[in-house]
Amino acid sequence: MKIIIEGKPISYKDNPFIIAEAGVNHNGNLNLALKLVDAAANAGADAVKFQTFKANQVVINNTEMAEYQKRNTKITQNQQEMLKKIELKENFYYPIIHRCKKRKITFLSTPHGGFESIKFLQKLNIPAIKFGSGDLTNFPVLEYAAKLGLPIILSTGMATLKEVRRAINVIKKTHNKKIIVLQATTNYPCPLNEVNLNAMRAMMKKLDVLIGLSDHTLDIEVPIMAATLGACVIEKHFTLDKKLPGPDHKASLDPHELKNMVNKIKNIKTILGSFIKKPSNSELKMMRVVRKSIVSLSSIKKGELLTTNNIGIKRPGNGIQPRYYYKILGKKASVNIKADELIQRRYYDK
């Protein structure tokens, strides 16, 4: 399976496609949003992702904030009030997309505002649609987006495998098979005992789609582990400053951490190598120095028997291999042999 997003291949054979999740960490400020694009590009991420919504399209009035939102903002208000402050204004999109093109990083955005958000993003010619976990069961919206024929990236926080299958089937019924499913835990930050990377591995075996990870832990350990286990997409929140006000800053990486994560993930394919066990090029040069051969422990006269007293095993490794040691014992020396010399096959009778 392979999916292409703006010329970048996504498959289990390629380096993971890394999405730097700016999300709502722009705090409604265009300058901050542009700096987030630059930080993601500087880190080497493949895409930078924002969130597209109007607060009144996402939640009804007077809906309580999520616990993590209360904890991270230390403010008690309703969701609609909070979300209104962190909307990405419509006139921000063109300068942000222009900056993305200039920095050669893919622009993505999650349409939290349902049909209207998707229609808006469609006008911007986005290359793929990423849905958050909250829309996993939103079949009308999934179907609408799938009919556009774009790759669909779908987070699966709070979901059972059965629910994930249902969402995949809704998308596939539109004849859109460009699907990437991300293991996720809807908790910000996510404690390590709730990550469940084995669920990601299970989905790799049981679902006929590409699988990755959307990570909400505080460190870079989990994304690196996920990439090592084969995740083809890694999504991770980042911010310019964890002390900024807002619901997601505290559970995000700073630019230095993001760059460190990207570098380490991009090294994984190189580190994993092939499935063939063989000496590396540098090891071929080391064999002579490090491996051992059968050698004379003392001077041996012609006609003398080769015994444990006069032959042994030492470096270097360019003589007769030690595996022949017991076959050589008891043989008769055919020439005079100096002490501490590599035994040659011509030195003893066959």
Foldseek 3Di string as FASTA:
>chain_A
DWDAFPNDIFDLLDQAQEEAEQELQCQQPLVQLLVSLVLCLVLVHQAYEYAAAQLVLQDPPPAWDDPLQCVQQVDGDHSSVQVNRRHHDPVSVVVSVVSCVVSVHAYAYEYSNAPVSLVSVVVVVHQEYEYEQVCLQVLVRLLVRLLVLHAYEYENAPHDPVSNVVSQVSSCVSVRQNYEYAYEHPDAQDDPVPRPLVVQVVCVVVPPYAYAHEHQHQALVVNLVRLLVRHNYYYFYEGCALPDRGSHSVSHHHSVRSSVSVVSSNCNPVVVDDPDDDDDPVVVVCQQFPAKAKFFQAKDAAFDFDAPVTIDIDGGRPAHHPVCVVVRGGFGFHHTGHHGGGDHPNGTDD
